[in-house]
């Protein structure tokens, strides 16, 4: 029965966009310095606003244990459902990503819960997104609410690892500054630091 339910969720995701996501995170950035560098490189700002995200999993957390991710996200009046399948996470976080736009955030949440999934994490953040002429995307994030203790961070996303690596240096950072972390890795890291303070 559980296997059939998982298949139903997969069928919901079919028909949307599919891409390979290759990204790294750089934590505890100087936002003003990064934005000045992006401006000097001719980057275009494509978004600024708040995102509300809910992560889902089945009982026993098989999605999370497999290092995959099922996410429902709301940005202004647009809601998207995304499934990310783990590929590798050594040099960069590489995942196969499947995404569909859904007609309603709350309606989709209720559908997922009716299929046996539960919300395992809710997060809000302010995001500013830029795109460089090369097509590489840079997101500057600041979490709010329960996770407001997490410092400003940056995500760099490109079509492949060499492209991401070259842009790390272009933005003034080194490979050792980068983390191939998931959002859950980020939360775990700063939860540990918060407990120590």
N, C-alpha and C. Protein backbone atom coordinates (compact mmCIF):
# COMPACT_ATOMS: atom_id res chain seq x y z
N UNK A 1 0.82 -1.21 0.00
CA UNK A 1 0.00 0.00 0.00
C UNK A 1 0.85 1.26 0.00
N UNK A 2 1.90 1.26 0.82
CA UNK A 2 2.79 2.41 0.89
C UNK A 2 3.49 2.62 -0.44
N UNK A 3 3.90 1.51 -1.07
CA UNK A 3 4.56 1.62 -2.37
C UNK A 3 3.65 2.25 -3.40
N UNK A 4 2.35 1.89 -3.37
CA UNK A 4 1.39 2.45 -4.31
C UNK A 4 1.20 3.94 -4.06
N UNK A 5 1.19 4.32 -2.79
CA UNK A 5 1.05 5.74 -2.44
C UNK A 5 2.24 6.53 -2.97
N UNK A 6 3.45 5.98 -2.81
CA UNK A 6 4.63 6.65 -3.33
C UNK A 6 4.56 6.80 -4.84
N UNK A 7 4.02 5.78 -5.52
CA UNK A 7 3.86 5.85 -6.96
C UNK A 7 2.89 6.96 -7.33
N UNK A 8 1.80 7.12 -6.55
CA UNK A 8 0.84 8.18 -6.80
C UNK A 8 1.50 9.55 -6.69
N UNK A 9 2.36 9.72 -5.69
CA UNK A 9 3.08 10.99 -5.54
C UNK A 9 3.97 11.23 -6.75
N UNK A 10 4.65 10.17 -7.20
CA UNK A 10 5.52 10.30 -8.38
C UNK A 10 4.72 10.71 -9.60
N UNK A 11 3.51 10.16 -9.75
CA UNK A 11 2.67 10.52 -10.89
C UNK A 11 2.26 11.98 -10.85
N UNK A 12 2.08 12.52 -9.64
CA UNK A 12 1.77 13.95 -9.51
C UNK A 12 2.90 14.79 -10.08
N UNK A 13 4.14 14.32 -9.92
CA UNK A 13 5.30 15.08 -10.35
C UNK A 13 5.57 14.96 -11.85
N UNK A 14 5.04 13.94 -12.48
CA UNK A 14 5.27 13.77 -13.91
C UNK A 14 4.61 14.89 -14.68
N UNK A 15 5.21 15.29 -15.77
CA UNK A 15 4.63 16.33 -16.59
C UNK A 15 5.17 17.71 -16.29
N UNK A 16 5.94 17.86 -15.22
CA UNK A 16 6.55 19.15 -14.90
C UNK A 16 7.94 19.23 -15.52
N UNK A 17 8.73 20.17 -15.05
CA UNK A 17 10.07 20.33 -15.58
C UNK A 17 11.03 19.36 -14.91
N UNK A 18 12.06 18.97 -15.65
CA UNK A 18 13.10 18.10 -15.11
C UNK A 18 14.45 18.72 -15.44
N UNK A 19 15.33 18.76 -14.45
CA UNK A 19 16.66 19.31 -14.68
C UNK A 19 17.63 18.70 -13.68
N UNK A 20 18.91 18.88 -13.95
CA UNK A 20 19.92 18.47 -12.98
C UNK A 20 20.37 19.71 -12.24
N UNK A 21 20.28 19.67 -10.93
CA UNK A 21 20.68 20.79 -10.09
C UNK A 21 22.08 20.54 -9.56
N UNK A 22 22.98 21.49 -9.82
CA UNK A 22 24.35 21.42 -9.32
C UNK A 22 24.59 22.71 -8.55
N UNK A 23 24.75 22.61 -7.24
CA UNK A 23 24.90 23.83 -6.46
C UNK A 23 25.81 23.62 -5.25
N UNK A 24 26.32 24.74 -4.77
CA UNK A 24 27.08 24.76 -3.52
C UNK A 24 26.53 25.90 -2.66
N UNK A 25 26.74 25.76 -1.36
CA UNK A 25 26.39 26.82 -0.41
C UNK A 25 27.68 27.42 0.15
N UNK A 26 27.69 28.72 0.34
CA UNK A 26 28.77 29.40 1.05
C UNK A 26 28.12 30.14 2.21
N UNK A 27 28.52 29.79 3.42
CA UNK A 27 27.84 30.30 4.61
C UNK A 27 28.56 31.53 5.18
N UNK A 28 27.80 32.27 5.98
CA UNK A 28 28.32 33.42 6.72
C UNK A 28 29.01 34.43 5.81
N UNK A 29 28.28 34.81 4.77
CA UNK A 29 28.82 35.75 3.79
C UNK A 29 28.63 37.19 4.24
N UNK A 30 29.40 38.09 3.64
CA UNK A 30 29.19 39.53 3.75
C UNK A 30 28.29 39.91 2.58
N UNK A 31 27.00 40.09 2.84
CA UNK A 31 26.04 40.30 1.76
C UNK A 31 26.39 41.52 0.90
N UNK A 32 26.75 42.63 1.52
CA UNK A 32 27.06 43.84 0.76
C UNK A 32 28.25 43.62 -0.17
N UNK A 33 29.25 42.92 0.31
CA UNK A 33 30.42 42.64 -0.51
C UNK A 33 30.04 41.76 -1.71
N UNK A 34 29.23 40.74 -1.46
CA UNK A 34 28.82 39.83 -2.53
C UNK A 34 27.98 40.57 -3.56
N UNK A 35 27.05 41.41 -3.10
CA UNK A 35 26.20 42.14 -4.04
C UNK A 35 27.02 43.13 -4.87
N UNK A 36 28.04 43.74 -4.26
CA UNK A 36 28.91 44.65 -5.01
C UNK A 36 29.67 43.88 -6.09
N UNK A 37 30.12 42.67 -5.75
CA UNK A 37 30.84 41.84 -6.72
C UNK A 37 29.91 41.41 -7.86
N UNK A 38 28.70 41.04 -7.52
CA UNK A 38 27.73 40.65 -8.54
C UNK A 38 27.44 41.82 -9.48
N UNK A 39 27.31 43.01 -8.91
CA UNK A 39 27.07 44.20 -9.72
C UNK A 39 28.22 44.45 -10.68
N UNK A 40 29.46 44.29 -10.19
CA UNK A 40 30.64 44.52 -11.03
C UNK A 40 30.74 43.49 -12.16
N UNK A 41 30.14 42.32 -11.95
CA UNK A 41 30.14 41.27 -12.96
C UNK A 41 28.96 41.38 -13.93
N UNK A 42 28.12 42.39 -13.71
CA UNK A 42 26.97 42.60 -14.60
C UNK A 42 25.81 41.66 -14.36
N UNK A 43 25.71 41.12 -13.14
CA UNK A 43 24.61 40.21 -12.83
C UNK A 43 23.28 40.95 -12.81
N UNK A 44 22.21 40.26 -13.19
CA UNK A 44 20.86 40.83 -13.19
C UNK A 44 20.07 40.28 -12.02
N UNK A 45 19.45 41.18 -11.25
CA UNK A 45 18.58 40.72 -10.17
C UNK A 45 17.27 40.25 -10.78
N UNK A 46 16.87 39.01 -10.46
CA UNK A 46 15.65 38.46 -11.06
C UNK A 46 14.54 38.25 -10.03
N UNK A 47 14.89 38.34 -8.74
CA UNK A 47 13.86 38.13 -7.71
C UNK A 47 14.33 38.69 -6.38
N UNK A 48 13.38 39.25 -5.64
CA UNK A 48 13.60 39.58 -4.23
C UNK A 48 12.28 39.44 -3.50
N UNK A 49 12.27 38.63 -2.46
CA UNK A 49 11.04 38.44 -1.70
C UNK A 49 11.15 37.31 -0.71
N UNK A 50 10.01 36.95 -0.13
CA UNK A 50 9.97 35.90 0.88
C UNK A 50 9.47 34.60 0.30
N UNK A 51 10.04 33.52 0.79
CA UNK A 51 9.62 32.17 0.39
C UNK A 51 9.17 31.40 1.63
N UNK A 52 8.07 30.69 1.48
CA UNK A 52 7.60 29.78 2.53
C UNK A 52 7.74 28.37 2.00
N UNK A 53 8.43 27.51 2.75
CA UNK A 53 8.71 26.15 2.28
C UNK A 53 8.31 25.13 3.33
N UNK A 54 7.68 24.05 2.87
CA UNK A 54 7.34 22.92 3.74
C UNK A 54 7.92 21.66 3.11
N UNK A 55 8.69 20.91 3.90
CA UNK A 55 9.27 19.65 3.44
C UNK A 55 8.40 18.51 3.95
N UNK A 56 8.20 17.49 3.10
CA UNK A 56 7.32 16.37 3.44
C UNK A 56 8.07 15.04 3.37
N UNK A 57 7.58 14.08 4.16
CA UNK A 57 8.11 12.73 4.09
C UNK A 57 7.04 11.76 4.59
N UNK A 58 7.26 10.47 4.28
CA UNK A 58 6.39 9.41 4.77
C UNK A 58 6.80 9.03 6.19
N UNK A 59 5.96 8.29 6.92
CA UNK A 59 6.38 7.78 8.23
C UNK A 59 7.68 6.99 8.11
N UNK A 60 8.60 7.22 9.05
CA UNK A 60 9.91 6.59 8.98
C UNK A 60 10.91 7.37 8.16
N UNK A 61 10.45 8.44 7.52
CA UNK A 61 11.30 9.36 6.74
C UNK A 61 12.15 8.69 5.64
N UNK A 62 11.55 7.83 4.80
CA UNK A 62 12.34 7.17 3.75
C UNK A 62 12.89 8.14 2.71
N UNK A 63 12.19 9.24 2.44
CA UNK A 63 12.67 10.22 1.46
C UNK A 63 13.96 10.86 1.97
N UNK A 64 13.93 11.30 3.23
CA UNK A 64 15.08 11.96 3.83
C UNK A 64 16.25 11.01 3.99
N UNK A 65 15.98 9.78 4.43
CA UNK A 65 17.04 8.78 4.63
C UNK A 65 17.77 8.50 3.31
N UNK A 66 17.03 8.51 2.21
CA UNK A 66 17.64 8.29 0.89
C UNK A 66 18.33 9.55 0.36
N UNK A 67 18.36 10.61 1.16
CA UNK A 67 18.97 11.91 0.81
C UNK A 67 18.22 12.61 -0.30
N UNK A 68 16.95 12.23 -0.48
CA UNK A 68 16.09 12.90 -1.44
C UNK A 68 15.28 13.98 -0.72
N UNK A 69 14.42 14.68 -1.46
CA UNK A 69 13.70 15.80 -0.87
C UNK A 69 12.38 16.00 -1.59
N UNK A 70 11.31 16.21 -0.84
CA UNK A 70 10.02 16.57 -1.40
C UNK A 70 9.60 17.88 -0.75
N UNK A 71 9.45 18.92 -1.58
CA UNK A 71 9.26 20.28 -1.06
C UNK A 71 8.07 20.96 -1.72
N UNK A 72 7.25 21.60 -0.88
CA UNK A 72 6.17 22.46 -1.36
C UNK A 72 6.56 23.89 -1.01
N UNK A 73 6.61 24.75 -2.00
CA UNK A 73 7.10 26.12 -1.78
C UNK A 73 6.11 27.15 -2.30
N UNK A 74 5.97 28.23 -1.54
CA UNK A 74 5.10 29.34 -1.94
C UNK A 74 5.94 30.61 -2.05
N UNK A 75 5.88 31.23 -3.22
CA UNK A 75 6.54 32.51 -3.45
C UNK A 75 5.48 33.45 -3.99
N UNK A 76 5.11 34.44 -3.15
CA UNK A 76 4.01 35.35 -3.48
C UNK A 76 2.75 34.50 -3.72
N UNK A 77 2.16 34.56 -4.93
CA UNK A 77 0.94 33.78 -5.18
C UNK A 77 1.21 32.52 -6.00
N UNK A 78 2.49 32.15 -6.14
CA UNK A 78 2.86 30.98 -6.93
C UNK A 78 3.31 29.85 -6.01
N UNK A 79 2.79 28.65 -6.25
CA UNK A 79 3.18 27.48 -5.46
C UNK A 79 3.79 26.42 -6.38
N UNK A 80 4.86 25.78 -5.92
CA UNK A 80 5.51 24.73 -6.69
C UNK A 80 5.75 23.52 -5.81
N UNK A 81 5.65 22.36 -6.41
CA UNK A 81 5.97 21.09 -5.75
C UNK A 81 7.21 20.54 -6.43
N UNK A 82 8.23 20.23 -5.63
CA UNK A 82 9.52 19.80 -6.17
C UNK A 82 9.99 18.51 -5.51
N UNK A 83 10.46 17.59 -6.33
CA UNK A 83 11.13 16.39 -5.83
C UNK A 83 12.56 16.43 -6.31
N UNK A 84 13.53 16.27 -5.39
CA UNK A 84 14.94 16.25 -5.73
C UNK A 84 15.51 14.88 -5.37
N UNK A 85 16.09 14.21 -6.38
CA UNK A 85 16.67 12.88 -6.18
C UNK A 85 18.19 13.02 -6.06
N UNK A 86 18.73 12.48 -4.98
CA UNK A 86 20.16 12.57 -4.71
C UNK A 86 20.99 11.89 -5.80
N UNK A 87 22.04 12.57 -6.25
CA UNK A 87 22.99 11.99 -7.19
C UNK A 87 24.36 11.86 -6.52
N UNK A 88 24.90 12.99 -6.05
CA UNK A 88 26.16 12.98 -5.31
C UNK A 88 26.28 14.26 -4.50
N UNK A 89 27.16 14.25 -3.52
CA UNK A 89 27.35 15.44 -2.67
C UNK A 89 28.76 15.49 -2.14
N UNK A 90 29.74 15.40 -3.02
CA UNK A 90 31.13 15.53 -2.60
C UNK A 90 31.62 16.95 -2.87
N UNK A 91 31.85 17.26 -4.14
CA UNK A 91 32.31 18.60 -4.50
C UNK A 91 31.15 19.58 -4.49
N UNK A 92 29.99 19.12 -4.94
CA UNK A 92 28.78 19.96 -4.98
C UNK A 92 27.57 19.08 -4.68
N UNK A 93 26.48 19.73 -4.37
CA UNK A 93 25.22 19.01 -4.15
C UNK A 93 24.56 18.83 -5.52
N UNK A 94 24.56 17.59 -6.01
CA UNK A 94 24.02 17.30 -7.34
C UNK A 94 22.76 16.46 -7.19
N UNK A 95 21.68 16.93 -7.80
CA UNK A 95 20.41 16.22 -7.72
C UNK A 95 19.66 16.30 -9.04
N UNK A 96 18.88 15.26 -9.32
CA UNK A 96 17.89 15.34 -10.40
C UNK A 96 16.67 16.02 -9.80
N UNK A 97 16.20 17.07 -10.46
CA UNK A 97 15.10 17.87 -9.91
C UNK A 97 13.89 17.80 -10.82
N UNK A 98 12.73 17.51 -10.22
CA UNK A 98 11.46 17.47 -10.94
C UNK A 98 10.53 18.47 -10.25
N UNK A 99 9.95 19.36 -11.04
CA UNK A 99 9.15 20.43 -10.43
C UNK A 99 7.90 20.72 -11.25
N UNK A 100 6.80 20.95 -10.55
CA UNK A 100 5.55 21.35 -11.19
C UNK A 100 4.97 22.55 -10.45
N UNK A 101 4.34 23.43 -11.21
CA UNK A 101 3.58 24.53 -10.60
C UNK A 101 2.21 23.97 -10.24
N UNK A 102 1.75 24.24 -9.03
CA UNK A 102 0.44 23.75 -8.59
C UNK A 102 -0.49 24.93 -8.38
N UNK A 103 -1.79 24.67 -8.47
CA UNK A 103 -2.76 25.77 -8.45
C UNK A 103 -2.96 26.38 -7.08
N UNK A 104 -2.66 25.63 -6.02
CA UNK A 104 -2.86 26.18 -4.68
C UNK A 104 -1.96 25.52 -3.66
N UNK A 105 -1.32 26.34 -2.84
CA UNK A 105 -0.39 25.84 -1.82
C UNK A 105 -1.12 24.98 -0.80
N UNK A 106 -2.22 25.48 -0.23
CA UNK A 106 -2.94 24.74 0.80
C UNK A 106 -3.59 23.49 0.25
N UNK A 107 -4.12 23.57 -0.97
CA UNK A 107 -4.74 22.40 -1.58
C UNK A 107 -3.71 21.30 -1.79
N UNK A 108 -2.52 21.67 -2.25
CA UNK A 108 -1.47 20.67 -2.47
C UNK A 108 -1.00 20.09 -1.16
N UNK A 109 -0.93 20.91 -0.13
CA UNK A 109 -0.54 20.41 1.20
C UNK A 109 -1.52 19.34 1.67
N UNK A 110 -2.81 19.61 1.48
CA UNK A 110 -3.84 18.65 1.90
C UNK A 110 -3.78 17.37 1.08
N UNK A 111 -3.47 17.48 -0.21
CA UNK A 111 -3.33 16.29 -1.05
C UNK A 111 -2.18 15.43 -0.55
N UNK A 112 -1.04 16.05 -0.28
CA UNK A 112 0.12 15.30 0.20
C UNK A 112 -0.18 14.61 1.53
N UNK A 113 -0.83 15.32 2.44
CA UNK A 113 -1.17 14.73 3.73
C UNK A 113 -2.18 13.60 3.57
N UNK A 114 -3.08 13.73 2.60
CA UNK A 114 -4.06 12.67 2.35
C UNK A 114 -3.40 11.42 1.78
N UNK A 115 -2.25 11.59 1.13
CA UNK A 115 -1.51 10.46 0.57
C UNK A 115 -0.59 9.81 1.60
N UNK A 116 -0.62 10.31 2.85
CA UNK A 116 0.16 9.69 3.91
C UNK A 116 1.46 10.39 4.25
N UNK A 117 1.72 11.54 3.63
CA UNK A 117 2.93 12.30 3.94
C UNK A 117 2.65 13.29 5.06
N UNK A 118 3.70 13.67 5.77
CA UNK A 118 3.58 14.65 6.84
C UNK A 118 4.63 15.74 6.65
N UNK A 119 4.30 16.94 7.11
CA UNK A 119 5.27 18.04 7.09
C UNK A 119 6.34 17.76 8.14
N UNK A 120 7.60 17.71 7.73
CA UNK A 120 8.69 17.43 8.67
C UNK A 120 9.50 18.69 9.00
N UNK A 121 9.33 19.74 8.18
CA UNK A 121 10.04 20.98 8.45
C UNK A 121 9.35 22.12 7.71
N UNK A 122 9.18 23.24 8.40
CA UNK A 122 8.63 24.46 7.78
C UNK A 122 9.66 25.55 7.94
N UNK A 123 9.89 26.30 6.86
CA UNK A 123 10.90 27.35 6.90
C UNK A 123 10.44 28.56 6.10
N UNK A 124 10.89 29.73 6.53
CA UNK A 124 10.67 30.96 5.78
C UNK A 124 12.01 31.65 5.61
N UNK A 125 12.20 32.28 4.45
CA UNK A 125 13.44 33.02 4.25
C UNK A 125 13.21 34.16 3.27
N UNK A 126 14.07 35.15 3.38
CA UNK A 126 14.13 36.23 2.41
C UNK A 126 15.22 35.87 1.42
N UNK A 127 14.89 35.96 0.13
CA UNK A 127 15.84 35.57 -0.92
C UNK A 127 15.98 36.68 -1.94
N UNK A 128 17.23 36.92 -2.35
CA UNK A 128 17.53 37.78 -3.49
C UNK A 128 18.26 36.91 -4.50
N UNK A 129 17.76 36.88 -5.72
CA UNK A 129 18.33 36.01 -6.76
C UNK A 129 18.90 36.83 -7.91
N UNK A 130 20.08 36.41 -8.35
CA UNK A 130 20.77 37.05 -9.48
C UNK A 130 21.10 35.99 -10.52
N UNK A 131 21.19 36.43 -11.76
CA UNK A 131 21.70 35.57 -12.83
C UNK A 131 22.83 36.30 -13.53
N UNK A 132 23.96 35.59 -13.68
CA UNK A 132 25.10 36.13 -14.40
C UNK A 132 24.93 35.88 -15.90
N UNK A 133 25.71 36.57 -16.70
CA UNK A 133 25.60 36.43 -18.17
C UNK A 133 25.82 34.98 -18.62
N UNK A 134 26.58 34.23 -17.85
CA UNK A 134 26.86 32.83 -18.17
C UNK A 134 25.65 31.92 -17.93
N UNK A 135 24.62 32.46 -17.24
CA UNK A 135 23.46 31.65 -16.89
C UNK A 135 23.53 31.09 -15.49
N UNK A 136 24.66 31.26 -14.81
CA UNK A 136 24.79 30.81 -13.43
C UNK A 136 23.90 31.66 -12.52
N UNK A 137 23.22 30.98 -11.61
CA UNK A 137 22.31 31.66 -10.68
C UNK A 137 22.95 31.74 -9.30
N UNK A 138 22.77 32.90 -8.67
CA UNK A 138 23.29 33.12 -7.32
C UNK A 138 22.12 33.59 -6.45
N UNK A 139 21.88 32.87 -5.37
CA UNK A 139 20.82 33.22 -4.43
C UNK A 139 21.43 33.64 -3.10
N UNK A 140 20.97 34.75 -2.56
CA UNK A 140 21.40 35.23 -1.25
C UNK A 140 20.23 35.05 -0.29
N UNK A 141 20.42 34.25 0.74
CA UNK A 141 19.33 33.86 1.63
C UNK A 141 19.56 34.33 3.06
N UNK A 142 18.45 34.74 3.68
CA UNK A 142 18.43 35.01 5.12
C UNK A 142 17.16 34.39 5.69
N UNK A 143 17.34 33.39 6.57
CA UNK A 143 16.20 32.70 7.15
C UNK A 143 15.53 33.55 8.22
N UNK A 144 14.24 33.31 8.41
CA UNK A 144 13.44 34.08 9.37
C UNK A 144 12.85 33.14 10.42
N UNK A 145 12.21 33.73 11.42
CA UNK A 145 11.50 32.95 12.43
C UNK A 145 12.41 32.05 13.22
N UNK A 146 12.01 30.79 13.32
CA UNK A 146 12.73 29.79 14.11
C UNK A 146 14.19 29.63 13.70
N UNK A 147 14.49 29.95 12.43
CA UNK A 147 15.85 29.75 11.91
C UNK A 147 16.58 31.07 11.65
N UNK A 148 16.13 32.13 12.30
CA UNK A 148 16.74 33.45 12.07
C UNK A 148 18.17 33.52 12.61
N UNK A 149 18.58 32.53 13.44
CA UNK A 149 19.96 32.51 13.94
C UNK A 149 20.96 32.07 12.87
N UNK A 150 20.48 31.53 11.76
CA UNK A 150 21.37 31.12 10.67
C UNK A 150 21.85 32.37 9.94
N UNK A 151 23.16 32.59 9.83
CA UNK A 151 23.67 33.80 9.16
C UNK A 151 23.37 33.80 7.65
N UNK A 152 23.55 34.97 7.04
CA UNK A 152 23.36 35.09 5.59
C UNK A 152 24.21 34.05 4.86
N UNK A 153 23.66 33.50 3.80
CA UNK A 153 24.40 32.53 3.01
C UNK A 153 24.11 32.72 1.53
N UNK A 154 24.93 32.08 0.73
CA UNK A 154 24.81 32.19 -0.72
C UNK A 154 24.76 30.80 -1.33
N UNK A 155 23.95 30.63 -2.36
CA UNK A 155 23.94 29.42 -3.16
C UNK A 155 24.36 29.78 -4.58
N UNK A 156 25.25 28.99 -5.14
CA UNK A 156 25.68 29.16 -6.52
C UNK A 156 25.25 27.93 -7.29
N UNK A 157 24.48 28.12 -8.35
CA UNK A 157 23.94 27.00 -9.12
C UNK A 157 24.28 27.15 -10.59
N UNK A 158 24.82 26.08 -11.17
CA UNK A 158 25.16 26.08 -12.59
C UNK A 158 24.86 24.75 -13.24
N UNK A 159 25.21 24.64 -14.51
CA UNK A 159 24.84 23.44 -15.27
C UNK A 159 25.72 22.24 -14.96
N UNK A 160 26.94 22.50 -14.46
CA UNK A 160 27.83 21.39 -14.13
C UNK A 160 28.85 21.85 -13.10
N UNK A 161 29.63 20.89 -12.57
CA UNK A 161 30.58 21.21 -11.51
C UNK A 161 31.68 22.17 -11.98
N UNK A 162 32.30 21.98 -13.17
CA UNK A 162 33.31 22.94 -13.60
C UNK A 162 32.79 24.38 -13.68
N UNK A 163 31.55 24.54 -14.15
CA UNK A 163 30.96 25.88 -14.24
C UNK A 163 30.79 26.49 -12.86
N UNK A 164 30.28 25.70 -11.93
CA UNK A 164 30.10 26.20 -10.56
C UNK A 164 31.45 26.55 -9.95
N UNK A 165 32.44 25.70 -10.14
CA UNK A 165 33.78 25.94 -9.58
C UNK A 165 34.38 27.24 -10.10
N UNK A 166 34.25 27.48 -11.40
CA UNK A 166 34.84 28.70 -11.97
C UNK A 166 34.17 29.95 -11.42
N UNK A 167 32.88 29.86 -11.13
CA UNK A 167 32.16 31.03 -10.62
C UNK A 167 32.39 31.24 -9.12
N UNK A 168 32.75 30.20 -8.43
CA UNK A 168 33.14 30.35 -7.02
C UNK A 168 34.32 31.32 -6.94
N UNK A 169 35.32 31.10 -7.79
CA UNK A 169 36.52 31.94 -7.81
C UNK A 169 36.20 33.33 -8.36
N UNK A 170 35.33 33.38 -9.38
CA UNK A 170 34.94 34.66 -9.97
C UNK A 170 34.29 35.57 -8.93
N UNK A 171 33.58 34.96 -7.98
CA UNK A 171 32.91 35.73 -6.93
C UNK A 171 33.81 36.01 -5.73
N UNK A 172 35.06 35.56 -5.81
CA UNK A 172 36.02 35.89 -4.76
C UNK A 172 36.15 34.87 -3.65
N UNK A 173 35.68 33.64 -3.90
CA UNK A 173 35.76 32.58 -2.89
C UNK A 173 36.64 31.45 -3.38
N UNK A 174 36.92 30.51 -2.49
CA UNK A 174 37.73 29.35 -2.80
C UNK A 174 36.90 28.07 -2.63
N UNK A 175 37.29 26.98 -3.29
CA UNK A 175 36.53 25.73 -3.16
C UNK A 175 36.33 25.29 -1.71
N UNK A 176 37.34 25.56 -0.84
CA UNK A 176 37.21 25.15 0.56
C UNK A 176 36.16 25.96 1.32
N UNK A 177 35.69 27.07 0.73
CA UNK A 177 34.62 27.86 1.36
C UNK A 177 33.25 27.22 1.14
N UNK A 178 33.18 26.27 0.23
CA UNK A 178 31.90 25.75 -0.23
C UNK A 178 31.44 24.52 0.55
N UNK A 179 30.13 24.42 0.69
CA UNK A 179 29.50 23.27 1.34
C UNK A 179 28.55 22.61 0.33
N UNK A 180 28.58 21.29 0.28
CA UNK A 180 27.64 20.56 -0.57
C UNK A 180 26.44 20.13 0.26
N UNK A 181 26.02 20.99 1.17
CA UNK A 181 24.98 20.68 2.15
C UNK A 181 23.58 20.78 1.56
N UNK A 182 22.69 19.98 2.13
CA UNK A 182 21.26 20.16 1.93
C UNK A 182 20.77 21.20 2.94
N UNK A 183 19.52 21.58 2.82
CA UNK A 183 18.92 22.48 3.81
C UNK A 183 18.95 21.84 5.20
N UNK A 184 18.72 20.53 5.27
CA UNK A 184 18.72 19.84 6.55
C UNK A 184 20.11 19.82 7.18
N UNK A 185 21.16 19.68 6.35
CA UNK A 185 22.52 19.75 6.85
C UNK A 185 22.80 21.14 7.45
N UNK A 186 22.32 22.16 6.76
CA UNK A 186 22.48 23.53 7.24
C UNK A 186 21.82 23.72 8.60
N UNK A 187 20.58 23.25 8.71
CA UNK A 187 19.84 23.37 9.97
C UNK A 187 20.55 22.62 11.08
N UNK A 188 21.01 21.41 10.79
CA UNK A 188 21.71 20.61 11.81
C UNK A 188 22.97 21.31 12.29
N UNK A 189 23.72 21.88 11.35
CA UNK A 189 24.98 22.55 11.70
C UNK A 189 24.72 23.72 12.65
N UNK A 190 23.77 24.56 12.30
CA UNK A 190 23.52 25.74 13.14
C UNK A 190 22.71 25.43 14.38
N UNK A 191 21.98 24.32 14.38
CA UNK A 191 21.32 23.89 15.62
C UNK A 191 22.36 23.51 16.64
N UNK A 192 23.42 22.83 16.19
CA UNK A 192 24.52 22.47 17.07
C UNK A 192 25.24 23.68 17.63
N UNK A 193 25.47 24.67 16.77
CA UNK A 193 26.14 25.89 17.21
C UNK A 193 25.27 26.67 18.19
N UNK A 194 23.96 26.65 17.92
CA UNK A 194 23.04 27.39 18.80
C UNK A 194 23.02 26.78 20.21
N UNK A 195 23.09 25.46 20.28
CA UNK A 195 23.07 24.76 21.57
C UNK A 195 24.31 25.08 22.39
N UNK A 196 25.44 25.35 21.70
CA UNK A 196 26.71 25.62 22.38
C UNK A 196 26.82 27.03 22.93
N UNK A 197 25.99 27.97 22.38
CA UNK A 197 26.09 29.36 22.82
C UNK A 197 25.26 29.64 24.04
